[in-house]
C-alpha atoms as a PDB file:
ATOM      1  CA  MET A   1      29.824  78.990  93.280  1.00  0.00           C
ATOM      2  CA  LYS A   2      28.445  81.921  95.213  1.00  0.00           C
ATOM      3  CA  THR A   3      27.375  79.561  97.983  1.00  0.00           C
ATOM      4  CA  LEU A   4      31.029  78.680  98.576  1.00  0.00           C
ATOM      5  CA  ILE A   5      32.572  82.109  98.076  1.00  0.00           C
ATOM      6  CA  LEU A   6      29.926  84.140  99.891  1.00  0.00           C
ATOM      7  CA  PRO A   7      30.443  82.780 103.446  1.00  0.00           C
ATOM      8  CA  ILE A   8      34.161  83.500 103.214  1.00  0.00           C
ATOM      9  CA  SER A   9      33.736  86.990 101.770  1.00  0.00           C
ATOM     10  CA  LEU A  10      31.034  87.909 104.280  1.00  0.00           C
ATOM     11  CA  VAL A  11      33.196  86.984 107.235  1.00  0.00           C
ATOM     12  CA  ALA A  12      36.167  88.808 105.762  1.00  0.00           C
ATOM     13  CA  ALA A  13      34.188  91.939 105.008  1.00  0.00           C
ATOM     14  CA  SER A  14      31.926  92.180 108.022  1.00  0.00           C
ATOM     15  CA  LEU A  15      34.595  91.528 110.588  1.00  0.00           C
ATOM     16  CA  CYS A  16      37.289  93.221 108.510  1.00  0.00           C
ATOM     17  CA  ALA A  17      37.433  89.883 109.758  1.00  0.00           C
ATOM     18  CA  MET A  18      40.041  87.555 113.907  1.00  0.00           C
ATOM     19  CA  ALA A  19      43.609  85.951 115.289  1.00  0.00           C
ATOM     20  CA  ALA A  20      45.430  82.715 114.620  1.00  0.00           C
ATOM     21  CA  ALA A  21      44.650  81.547 118.118  1.00  0.00           C
ATOM     22  CA  PRO A  22      43.525  83.214 121.328  1.00  0.00           C
ATOM     23  CA  THR A  23      46.260  84.503 123.579  1.00  0.00           C
ATOM     24  CA  PRO A  24      46.905  82.235 126.597  1.00  0.00           C
ATOM     25  CA  ASP A  25      44.665  84.338 128.849  1.00  0.00           C
ATOM     26  CA  HIS A  26      41.807  84.365 126.316  1.00  0.00           C
ATOM     27  CA  LYS A  27      40.102  81.186 127.519  1.00  0.00           C
ATOM     28  CA  VAL A  28      36.802  80.356 125.854  1.00  0.00           C
ATOM     29  CA  SER A  29      33.800  78.859 127.634  1.00  0.00           C
ATOM     30  CA  LYS A  30      32.999  75.236 126.868  1.00  0.00           C
ATOM     31  CA  GLN A  31      29.405  76.398 126.303  1.00  0.00           C
ATOM     32  CA  ALA A  32      30.412  78.521 123.294  1.00  0.00           C
ATOM     33  CA  ASN A  33      28.975  77.488 119.920  1.00  0.00           C
ATOM     34  CA  TRP A  34      30.911  80.141 118.001  1.00  0.00           C
ATOM     35  CA  VAL A  35      34.328  81.691 118.558  1.00  0.00           C
ATOM     36  CA  ALA A  36      36.006  84.566 116.716  1.00  0.00           C
ATOM     37  CA  HIS A  37      39.573  85.854 116.996  1.00  0.00           C
ATOM     38  CA  LEU A  38      40.911  89.189 115.698  1.00  0.00           C
ATOM     39  CA  ASP A  39      44.537  90.223 115.408  1.00  0.00           C
ATOM     40  CA  PHE A  40      44.285  93.965 114.859  1.00  0.00           C
ATOM     41  CA  GLN A  41      48.010  94.515 114.375  1.00  0.00           C
ATOM     42  CA  SER A  42      48.087  91.911 111.613  1.00  0.00           C
ATOM     43  CA  ILE A  43      45.162  93.694 109.987  1.00  0.00           C
ATOM     44  CA  LEU A  44      46.648  97.180 110.350  1.00  0.00           C
ATOM     45  CA  ASN A  45      50.102  96.056 109.188  1.00  0.00           C
ATOM     46  CA  SER A  46      48.803  94.175 106.162  1.00  0.00           C
ATOM     47  CA  ARG A  47      48.999  95.881 102.782  1.00  0.00           C
ATOM     48  CA  ILE A  48      45.238  96.201 102.602  1.00  0.00           C
ATOM     49  CA  GLY A  49      44.806  97.323 106.212  1.00  0.00           C
ATOM     50  CA  SER A  50      47.562  99.928 106.007  1.00  0.00           C
ATOM     51  CA  HIS A  51      46.158 101.207 102.698  1.00  0.00           C
ATOM     52  CA  ILE A  52      42.671 101.669 104.163  1.00  0.00           C
ATOM     53  CA  LEU A  53      44.096 103.363 107.265  1.00  0.00           C
ATOM     54  CA  ASP A  54      46.255 105.704 105.163  1.00  0.00           C
ATOM     55  CA  GLU A  55      43.232 106.682 103.105  1.00  0.00           C
ATOM     56  CA  ALA A  56      41.137 107.193 106.242  1.00  0.00           C
ATOM     57  CA  ARG A  57      43.795 109.460 107.771  1.00  0.00           C
ATOM     58  CA  LYS A  58      43.299 111.869 104.876  1.00  0.00           C
ATOM     59  CA  ASP A  59      39.919 112.726 106.382  1.00  0.00           C
ATOM     60  CA  PRO A  60      40.415 115.300 109.193  1.00  0.00           C
ATOM     61  CA  GLN A  61      37.200 114.109 110.853  1.00  0.00           C
ATOM     62  CA  PHE A  62      38.583 110.562 111.129  1.00  0.00           C
ATOM     63  CA  THR A  63      41.761 111.810 112.815  1.00  0.00           C
ATOM     64  CA  GLN A  64      39.662 113.938 115.158  1.00  0.00           C
ATOM     65  CA  GLN A  65      37.565 110.910 116.105  1.00  0.00           C
ATOM     66  CA  LEU A  66      40.687 108.829 116.784  1.00  0.00           C
ATOM     67  CA  ASN A  67      42.051 111.535 119.070  1.00  0.00           C
ATOM     68  CA  GLY A  68      38.677 111.737 120.829  1.00  0.00           C
ATOM     69  CA  LEU A  69      38.592 107.988 121.509  1.00  0.00           C
ATOM     70  CA  LYS A  70      42.100 108.132 122.941  1.00  0.00           C
ATOM     71  CA  ALA A  71      41.437 111.200 125.091  1.00  0.00           C
ATOM     72  CA  VAL A  72      38.103 110.064 126.527  1.00  0.00           C
ATOM     73  CA  PHE A  73      38.301 106.274 126.623  1.00  0.00           C
ATOM     74  CA  GLY A  74      42.043 105.670 126.451  1.00  0.00           C
ATOM     75  CA  LEU A  75      41.533 103.686 123.238  1.00  0.00           C
ATOM     76  CA  ASP A  76      44.324 103.873 120.647  1.00  0.00           C
ATOM     77  CA  LEU A  77      43.032 102.310 117.431  1.00  0.00           C
ATOM     78  CA  GLU A  78      46.489 102.062 115.872  1.00  0.00           C
ATOM     79  CA  LYS A  79      47.844 100.068 118.817  1.00  0.00           C
ATOM     80  CA  LEU A  80      44.977  97.631 119.269  1.00  0.00           C
ATOM     81  CA  GLY A  81      46.220  94.123 119.933  1.00  0.00           C
ATOM     82  CA  VAL A  82      44.061  90.996 119.883  1.00  0.00           C
ATOM     83  CA  ALA A  83      40.460  90.251 120.703  1.00  0.00           C
ATOM     84  CA  THR A  84      38.449  87.100 121.222  1.00  0.00           C
ATOM     85  CA  ALA A  85      34.652  86.924 121.123  1.00  0.00           C
ATOM     86  CA  TYR A  86      32.427  83.939 121.758  1.00  0.00           C
ATOM     87  CA  GLY A  87      28.839  83.036 122.509  1.00  0.00           C
ATOM     88  CA  SER A  88      26.139  80.395 122.478  1.00  0.00           C
ATOM     89  CA  GLY A  89      24.469  81.724 119.355  1.00  0.00           C
ATOM     90  CA  LYS A  90      21.624  83.467 121.115  1.00  0.00           C
ATOM     91  CA  LYS A  91      21.116  87.120 120.307  1.00  0.00           C
ATOM     92  CA  ASP A  92      23.167  89.563 122.399  1.00  0.00           C
ATOM     93  CA  GLU A  93      25.129  86.901 124.261  1.00  0.00           C
ATOM     94  CA  ALA A  94      28.698  87.584 123.130  1.00  0.00           C
ATOM     95  CA  ILE A  95      31.561  87.746 125.625  1.00  0.00           C
ATOM     96  CA  ILE A  96      34.557  89.765 124.420  1.00  0.00           C
ATOM     97  CA  LEU A  97      38.136  89.721 125.663  1.00  0.00           C
ATOM     98  CA  ALA A  98      40.474  92.408 124.343  1.00  0.00           C
ATOM     99  CA  HIS A  99      44.147  93.097 124.935  1.00  0.00           C
ATOM    100  CA  GLY A 100      46.340  95.983 123.789  1.00  0.00           C
ATOM    101  CA  GLY A 101      45.781  99.546 122.605  1.00  0.00           C
ATOM    102  CA  MET A 102      43.725 100.655 125.583  1.00  0.00           C
ATOM    103  CA  ASN A 103      44.137 102.282 128.973  1.00  0.00           C
ATOM    104  CA  ALA A 104      41.978 100.164 131.288  1.00  0.00           C
ATOM    105  CA  THR A 105      42.426 102.545 134.215  1.00  0.00           C
ATOM    106  CA  GLN A 106      41.200 105.482 132.134  1.00  0.00           C
ATOM    107  CA  LEU A 107      38.259 103.408 130.910  1.00  0.00           C
ATOM    108  CA  GLU A 108      37.334 102.511 134.491  1.00  0.00           C
ATOM    109  CA  GLY A 109      37.559 106.147 135.517  1.00  0.00           C
ATOM    110  CA  PHE A 110      35.222 107.205 132.745  1.00  0.00           C
ATOM    111  CA  ALA A 111      32.753 104.437 133.638  1.00  0.00           C
ATOM    112  CA  ALA A 112      32.774 105.407 137.327  1.00  0.00           C
ATOM    113  CA  LEU A 113      31.546 108.897 136.394  1.00  0.00           C
ATOM    114  CA  ASN A 114      28.348 107.492 134.872  1.00  0.00           C
ATOM    115  CA  GLU A 115      25.500 108.046 137.325  1.00  0.00           C
ATOM    116  CA  ASN A 116      23.773 104.832 136.202  1.00  0.00           C
ATOM    117  CA  VAL A 117      26.751 102.547 136.702  1.00  0.00           C
ATOM    118  CA  GLN A 118      26.677  99.719 139.235  1.00  0.00           C
ATOM    119  CA  ILE A 119      30.092  98.951 140.692  1.00  0.00           C
ATOM    120  CA  GLN A 120      30.706  95.608 142.343  1.00  0.00           C
ATOM    121  CA  LYS A 121      33.840  94.011 143.771  1.00  0.00           C
ATOM    122  CA  ARG A 122      34.529  90.398 142.833  1.00  0.00           C
ATOM    123  CA  GLY A 123      37.685  89.253 144.539  1.00  0.00           C
ATOM    124  CA  LYS A 124      40.484  91.482 143.265  1.00  0.00           C
ATOM    125  CA  ARG A 125      38.445  92.623 140.281  1.00  0.00           C
ATOM    126  CA  THR A 126      35.946  95.459 139.905  1.00  0.00           C
ATOM    127  CA  LEU A 127      32.858  94.955 137.759  1.00  0.00           C
ATOM    128  CA  TYR A 128      31.133  97.887 136.064  1.00  0.00           C
ATOM    129  CA  SER A 129      27.553  97.223 134.944  1.00  0.00           C
ATOM    130  CA  PHE A 130      25.141  99.386 132.961  1.00  0.00           C
ATOM    131  CA  LYS A 131      21.623  98.928 131.608  1.00  0.00           C
ATOM    132  CA  LYS A 132      23.159  97.432 128.489  1.00  0.00           C
ATOM    133  CA  GLY A 133      26.633  96.062 128.998  1.00  0.00           C
ATOM    134  CA  ALA A 134      29.198  95.264 131.663  1.00  0.00           C
ATOM    135  CA  PHE A 135      32.985  95.069 131.783  1.00  0.00           C
ATOM    136  CA  SER A 136      35.947  94.473 134.029  1.00  0.00           C
ATOM    137  CA  ALA A 137      39.637  95.258 133.645  1.00  0.00           C
ATOM    138  CA  LEU A 138      41.948  92.253 133.377  1.00  0.00           C
ATOM    139  CA  GLY A 139      45.131  94.282 133.378  1.00  0.00           C
ATOM    140  CA  PRO A 140      46.563  97.691 132.381  1.00  0.00           C
ATOM    141  CA  GLN A 141      45.668  97.088 128.713  1.00  0.00           C
ATOM    142  CA  ALA A 142      43.098  94.297 128.869  1.00  0.00           C
ATOM    143  CA  VAL A 143      39.358  94.071 129.513  1.00  0.00           C
ATOM    144  CA  ILE A 144      36.509  91.578 129.372  1.00  0.00           C
ATOM    145  CA  ALA A 145      33.050  92.779 128.335  1.00  0.00           C
ATOM    146  CA  ALA A 146      29.594  91.216 128.056  1.00  0.00           C
ATOM    147  CA  PRO A 147      25.958  92.303 127.509  1.00  0.00           C
ATOM    148  CA  ASN A 148      25.137  91.857 131.205  1.00  0.00           C
ATOM    149  CA  GLN A 149      26.674  91.112 134.586  1.00  0.00           C
ATOM    150  CA  LYS A 150      25.655  87.437 134.553  1.00  0.00           C
ATOM    151  CA  LEU A 151      27.543  86.706 131.336  1.00  0.00           C
ATOM    152  CA  LEU A 152      30.468  88.809 132.517  1.00  0.00           C
ATOM    153  CA  ALA A 153      30.665  86.736 135.700  1.00  0.00           C
ATOM    154  CA  HIS A 154      30.631  83.543 133.623  1.00  0.00           C
ATOM    155  CA  GLY A 155      33.454  84.832 131.445  1.00  0.00           C
ATOM    156  CA  LEU A 156      35.508  85.628 134.525  1.00  0.00           C
ATOM    157  CA  ASP A 157      34.793  82.175 135.966  1.00  0.00           C
ATOM    158  CA  VAL A 158      36.154  80.632 132.769  1.00  0.00           C
ATOM    159  CA  LEU A 159      39.313  82.737 133.002  1.00  0.00           C
ATOM    160  CA  ASP A 160      39.769  81.804 136.665  1.00  0.00           C
ATOM    161  CA  GLY A 161      39.237  78.101 136.017  1.00  0.00           C
ATOM    162  CA  LYS A 162      35.968  78.013 137.972  1.00  0.00           C
ATOM    163  CA  ALA A 163      33.992  77.118 134.819  1.00  0.00           C
ATOM    164  CA  PRO A 164      35.172  74.728 132.074  1.00  0.00           C
ATOM    165  CA  SER A 165      36.928  76.105 129.008  1.00  0.00           C
ATOM    166  CA  GLN A 166      37.252  74.496 125.588  1.00  0.00           C
ATOM    167  CA  ALA A 167      40.404  73.382 123.819  1.00  0.00           C
ATOM    168  CA  GLU A 168      41.321  74.686 120.373  1.00  0.00           C
ATOM    169  CA  SER A 169      39.171  72.884 117.814  1.00  0.00           C
ATOM    170  CA  ALA A 170      40.554  70.646 115.099  1.00  0.00           C
ATOM    171  CA  VAL A 171      38.961  72.984 112.548  1.00  0.00           C
ATOM    172  CA  SER A 172      40.948  75.918 113.954  1.00  0.00           C
ATOM    173  CA  SER A 173      44.136  73.870 113.706  1.00  0.00           C
ATOM    174  CA  HIS A 174      43.284  72.960 110.115  1.00  0.00           C
ATOM    175  CA  LEU A 175      42.717  76.619 109.233  1.00  0.00           C
ATOM    176  CA  THR A 176      46.032  77.730 110.741  1.00  0.00           C
ATOM    177  CA  GLY A 177      47.683  74.991 108.722  1.00  0.00           C
ATOM    178  CA  MET A 178      46.211  76.541 105.576  1.00  0.00           C
ATOM    179  CA  ILE A 179      46.905  80.167 106.533  1.00  0.00           C
ATOM    180  CA  ASP A 180      49.935  80.907 108.673  1.00  0.00           C
ATOM    181  CA  LYS A 181      49.131  83.479 111.378  1.00  0.00           C
ATOM    182  CA  PRO A 182      45.701  84.526 110.089  1.00  0.00           C
ATOM    183  CA  MET A 183      44.539  88.014 110.931  1.00  0.00           C
ATOM    184  CA  ALA A 184      40.992  86.755 111.216  1.00  0.00           C
ATOM    185  CA  MET A 185      39.340  83.482 112.151  1.00  0.00           C
ATOM    186  CA  MET A 186      35.931  82.214 113.188  1.00  0.00           C
ATOM    187  CA  THR A 187      34.548  78.761 113.986  1.00  0.00           C
ATOM    188  CA  MET A 188      30.912  77.871 114.490  1.00  0.00           C
ATOM    189  CA  SER A 189      28.656  74.939 115.240  1.00  0.00           C
ATOM    190  CA  ILE A 190      26.217  75.884 112.508  1.00  0.00           C
ATOM    191  CA  GLY A 191      23.400  73.555 113.522  1.00  0.00           C
ATOM    192  CA  LYS A 192      23.379  74.653 117.157  1.00  0.00           C
ATOM    193  CA  VAL A 193      23.596  78.360 116.345  1.00  0.00           C
ATOM    194  CA  MET A 194      20.848  78.215 113.721  1.00  0.00           C
ATOM    195  CA  ALA A 195      18.601  76.272 116.093  1.00  0.00           C
ATOM    196  CA  LEU A 196      19.073  78.826 118.883  1.00  0.00           C
ATOM    197  CA  GLN A 197      18.179  81.600 116.441  1.00  0.00           C
ATOM    198  CA  ASN A 198      15.167  79.679 115.067  1.00  0.00           C
ATOM    199  CA  GLN A 199      16.598  79.811 111.559  1.00  0.00           C
ATOM    200  CA  SER A 200      16.896  77.168 108.874  1.00  0.00           C
ATOM    201  CA  ILE A 201      19.681  76.539 106.382  1.00  0.00           C
ATOM    202  CA  PRO A 202      18.781  76.656 102.640  1.00  0.00           C
ATOM    203  CA  ALA A 203      18.519  73.225 101.014  1.00  0.00           C
ATOM    204  CA  PRO A 204      21.859  73.136  99.098  1.00  0.00           C
ATOM    205  CA  GLN A 205      23.923  74.113 102.140  1.00  0.00           C
ATOM    206  CA  ALA A 206      21.758  72.072 104.527  1.00  0.00           C
ATOM    207  CA  ALA A 207      22.731  68.841 102.769  1.00  0.00           C
ATOM    208  CA  ILE A 208      26.398  69.561 103.519  1.00  0.00           C
ATOM    209  CA  MET A 209      25.814  70.932 107.007  1.00  0.00           C
ATOM    210  CA  LYS A 210      24.059  67.708 108.014  1.00  0.00           C
ATOM    211  CA  LYS A 211      27.355  65.947 107.359  1.00  0.00           C
ATOM    212  CA  ALA A 212      29.518  68.568 109.077  1.00  0.00           C
ATOM    213  CA  ASP A 213      29.074  69.633 112.685  1.00  0.00           C
ATOM    214  CA  LEU A 214      31.638  72.465 112.728  1.00  0.00           C
ATOM    215  CA  VAL A 215      32.623  75.069 110.137  1.00  0.00           C
ATOM    216  CA  GLY A 216      35.385  77.664 110.211  1.00  0.00           C
ATOM    217  CA  PHE A 217      36.607  80.647 108.203  1.00  0.00           C
ATOM    218  CA  ALA A 218      39.959  82.444 108.183  1.00  0.00           C
ATOM    219  CA  MET A 219      41.682  85.268 106.352  1.00  0.00           C
ATOM    220  CA  GLY A 220      45.322  86.286 106.149  1.00  0.00           C
ATOM    221  CA  GLU A 221      48.016  87.846 104.016  1.00  0.00           C
ATOM    222  CA  SER A 222      50.886  85.779 102.645  1.00  0.00           C
ATOM    223  CA  GLY A 223      53.542  87.431 100.507  1.00  0.00           C
ATOM    224  CA  ASN A 224      51.787  89.199  97.653  1.00  0.00           C
ATOM    225  CA  SER A 225      48.440  87.493  98.088  1.00  0.00           C
ATOM    226  CA  MET A 226      45.386  87.454 100.302  1.00  0.00           C
ATOM    227  CA  ARG A 227      44.211  84.057 101.476  1.00  0.00           C
ATOM    228  CA  MET A 228      40.675  83.154 102.538  1.00  0.00           C
ATOM    229  CA  ALA A 229      39.856  79.689 103.786  1.00  0.00           C
ATOM    230  CA  MET A 230      36.857  77.630 104.813  1.00  0.00           C
ATOM    231  CA  ALA A 231      37.096  74.346 106.731  1.00  0.00           C
ATOM    232  CA  LEU A 232      34.531  71.737 107.724  1.00  0.00           C
ATOM    233  CA  ARG A 233      34.646  68.937 110.277  1.00  0.00           C
ATOM    234  CA  ALA A 234      32.775  65.940 108.913  1.00  0.00           C
ATOM    235  CA  SER A 235      30.762  63.533 111.030  1.00  0.00           C
ATOM    236  CA  ASP A 236      33.191  60.747 110.104  1.00  0.00           C
ATOM    237  CA  GLU A 237      36.236  60.140 107.898  1.00  0.00           C
ATOM    238  CA  GLU A 238      34.273  58.497 105.089  1.00  0.00           C
ATOM    239  CA  THR A 239      32.031  61.545 104.868  1.00  0.00           C
ATOM    240  CA  ALA A 240      35.137  63.743 104.893  1.00  0.00           C
ATOM    241  CA  VAL A 241      36.368  62.019 101.730  1.00  0.00           C
ATOM    242  CA  HIS A 242      33.054  62.795 100.006  1.00  0.00           C
ATOM    243  CA  LEU A 243      33.199  66.433 101.153  1.00  0.00           C
ATOM    244  CA  GLU A 244      36.763  66.633  99.867  1.00  0.00           C
ATOM    245  CA  ASN A 245      35.565  65.486  96.436  1.00  0.00           C
ATOM    246  CA  VAL A 246      32.752  68.046  96.506  1.00  0.00           C
ATOM    247  CA  MET A 247      35.243  70.822  97.326  1.00  0.00           C
ATOM    248  CA  ARG A 248      37.646  69.667  94.610  1.00  0.00           C
ATOM    249  CA  GLY A 249      34.759  69.851  92.152  1.00  0.00           C
ATOM    250  CA  ALA A 250      33.930  73.329  93.378  1.00  0.00           C
ATOM    251  CA  SER A 251      37.597  74.301  93.030  1.00  0.00           C
ATOM    252  CA  SER A 252      37.567  73.134  89.409  1.00  0.00           C
ATOM    253  CA  MET A 253      34.358  75.051  88.735  1.00  0.00           C
ATOM    254  CA  LEU A 254      35.954  78.217  90.135  1.00  0.00           C
ATOM    255  CA  ALA A 255      38.885  77.740  87.786  1.00  0.00           C
ATOM    256  CA  LEU A 256      36.472  77.427  84.844  1.00  0.00           C
ATOM    257  CA  GLY A 257      34.111  80.132  86.107  1.00  0.00           C
ATOM    258  CA  ALA A 258      35.184  82.957  83.827  1.00  0.00           C
ATOM    259  CA  ASP A 259      34.921  80.753  80.726  1.00  0.00           C
ATOM    260  CA  VAL A 260      31.408  79.513  81.419  1.00  0.00           C
ATOM    261  CA  GLY A 261      30.060  82.844  82.679  1.00  0.00           C
ATOM    262  CA  ILE A 262      28.959  81.838  86.172  1.00  0.00           C
ATOM    263  CA  ASP A 263      28.777  85.465  87.286  1.00  0.00           C
ATOM    264  CA  PRO A 264      29.695  88.525  85.164  1.00  0.00           C
ATOM    265  CA  GLN A 265      30.804  90.393  88.299  1.00  0.00           C
ATOM    266  CA  LEU A 266      33.370  87.674  89.018  1.00  0.00           C
ATOM    267  CA  ASP A 267      34.680  87.281  85.460  1.00  0.00           C
ATOM    268  CA  GLU A 268      37.647  89.561  86.135  1.00  0.00           C
ATOM    269  CA  ILE A 269      38.543  87.958  89.471  1.00  0.00           C
ATOM    270  CA  LEU A 270      38.047  84.227  88.827  1.00  0.00           C
ATOM    271  CA  PRO A 271      40.935  83.779  86.344  1.00  0.00           C
ATOM    272  CA  LYS A 272      43.288  85.369  88.871  1.00  0.00           C
ATOM    273  CA  MET A 273      42.188  83.214  91.805  1.00  0.00           C
ATOM    274  CA  LYS A 274      44.060  80.138  92.963  1.00  0.00           C
ATOM    275  CA  THR A 275      42.280  77.434  94.903  1.00  0.00           C
ATOM    276  CA  SER A 276      43.434  74.394  96.834  1.00  0.00           C
ATOM    277  CA  VAL A 277      41.726  71.659  98.841  1.00  0.00           C
ATOM    278  CA  THR A 278      43.177  69.829 101.834  1.00  0.00           C
ATOM    279  CA  ARG A 279      41.962  67.067 104.119  1.00  0.00           C
ATOM    280  CA  LYS A 280      43.236  65.678 107.398  1.00  0.00           C
ATOM    281  CA  LYS A 281      41.128  62.865 108.799  1.00  0.00           C
ATOM    282  CA  ARG A 282      37.647  64.386 109.404  1.00  0.00           C
ATOM    283  CA  ASN A 283      38.656  67.967 108.539  1.00  0.00           C
ATOM    284  CA  VAL A 284      38.370  69.321 104.999  1.00  0.00           C
ATOM    285  CA  GLY A 285      39.444  72.767 103.841  1.00  0.00           C
ATOM    286  CA  LEU A 286      39.125  74.980 100.766  1.00  0.00           C
ATOM    287  CA  MET A 287      41.487  77.927 100.319  1.00  0.00           C
ATOM    288  CA  VAL A 288      41.120  80.788  97.854  1.00  0.00           C
ATOM    289  CA  GLU A 289      44.154  82.953  97.070  1.00  0.00           C
ATOM    290  CA  ILE A 290      43.944  86.323  95.318  1.00  0.00           C
ATOM    291  CA  ASP A 291      46.692  88.758  94.363  1.00  0.00           C
ATOM    292  CA  THR A 292      46.753  91.578  96.930  1.00  0.00           C
ATOM    293  CA  ALA A 293      47.295  94.181  94.201  1.00  0.00           C
ATOM    294  CA  LEU A 294      43.989  93.180  92.609  1.00  0.00           C
ATOM    295  CA  VAL A 295      42.169  93.426  95.939  1.00  0.00           C
ATOM    296  CA  LEU A 296      43.727  96.847  96.575  1.00  0.00           C
ATOM    297  CA  ALA A 297      42.641  98.035  93.133  1.00  0.00           C
ATOM    298  CA  LYS A 298      39.054  96.954  93.821  1.00  0.00           C
ATOM    299  CA  ILE A 299      39.056  98.593  97.262  1.00  0.00           C
ATOM    300  CA  THR A 300      40.444 101.833  95.829  1.00  0.00           C
ATOM    301  CA  GLU A 301      37.807 101.748  93.101  1.00  0.00           C
ATOM    302  CA  GLU A 302      35.009 101.373  95.650  1.00  0.00           C
ATOM    303  CA  MET A 303      36.454 104.069  97.932  1.00  0.00           C
ATOM    304  CA  GLU A 304      36.630 106.516  95.027  1.00  0.00           C
ATOM    305  CA  LYS A 305      33.003 105.785  94.153  1.00  0.00           C
ATOM    306  CA  ARG A 306      31.934 106.600  97.704  1.00  0.00           C
ATOM    307  CA  SER A 307      34.200 109.590  98.276  1.00  0.00           C
ATOM    308  CA  PRO A 308      32.463 112.916  99.114  1.00  0.00           C
ATOM    309  CA  LYS A 309      34.201 114.620  96.174  1.00  0.00           C
ATOM    310  CA  LYS A 310      32.846 112.021  93.769  1.00  0.00           C
ATOM    311  CA  GLU A 311      29.339 112.306  95.205  1.00  0.00           C
ATOM    312  CA  ASN A 312      29.430 116.122  95.043  1.00  0.00           C
ATOM    313  CA  ALA A 313      30.619 115.984  91.434  1.00  0.00           C
ATOM    314  CA  LEU A 314      27.718 113.703  90.493  1.00  0.00           C
ATOM    315  CA  ASP A 315      25.223 115.947  92.324  1.00  0.00           C
ATOM    316  CA  SER A 316      26.415 119.015  90.435  1.00  0.00           C
ATOM    317  CA  GLN A 317      25.868 117.394  87.038  1.00  0.00           C
END
């Protein structure tokens, strides 16, 4: 069961997890093998996001850092909007588009003061390049950034229609059908990405990945529950039916998990999880739903364990 839950939880945790769909001006290159979308306002306004932010505000150092980011870079964490990131799968090749919660003019001014910056005009736009990284303003509150000037130029070409962009994938559509307005979403051509990184997929997952050329993950809040979803695009509809049966079996195993002792750490959570499986033609999805109150309780428990006061109390014993 861990092999099914882990990919979803990793994406949710590591990315704090991405938006229902890119904004109209967030075009993605056709060359991209992975795409991630983040809706920061959905995250910050969710019960979990607002709880974490409220707890963080109690730390004077955190507030000081927020004020520093706003004063120096014009970045207002609490007003961040949406972001889209994509890449081929090669290391350090992500292109990022961000909109909202920033002062692009202030950011450009700060960059211009750097003695190592290279400033180049490209039509009406100004490109700022450094030893590691490059960016360009797209508007008063929008920027595009990349690891180098070449990738930045490609990203701009995609936005300007000079390089082909890709349409929203069927997997993305399937995920948004499972989770309305997700705060986080990612799709990936697993085989292509793993090949570019010279990595192999473990045998159990490899058997499934050979039958699915695209996988996606999403996370969102709905009412009093958190929803996490995984979707696969099968090579053909017949294979999709088989994958659907596999996921339904996995869903049943999750429901029985606490009784058969699959994992002691999950015994408390499994009985309170709801799962559902959907299929539309070649696309198959598995959704896991957990009560938000339970998630909040677990987060609070972990935060208390890691709090400075708790650590100092343990040190003094």
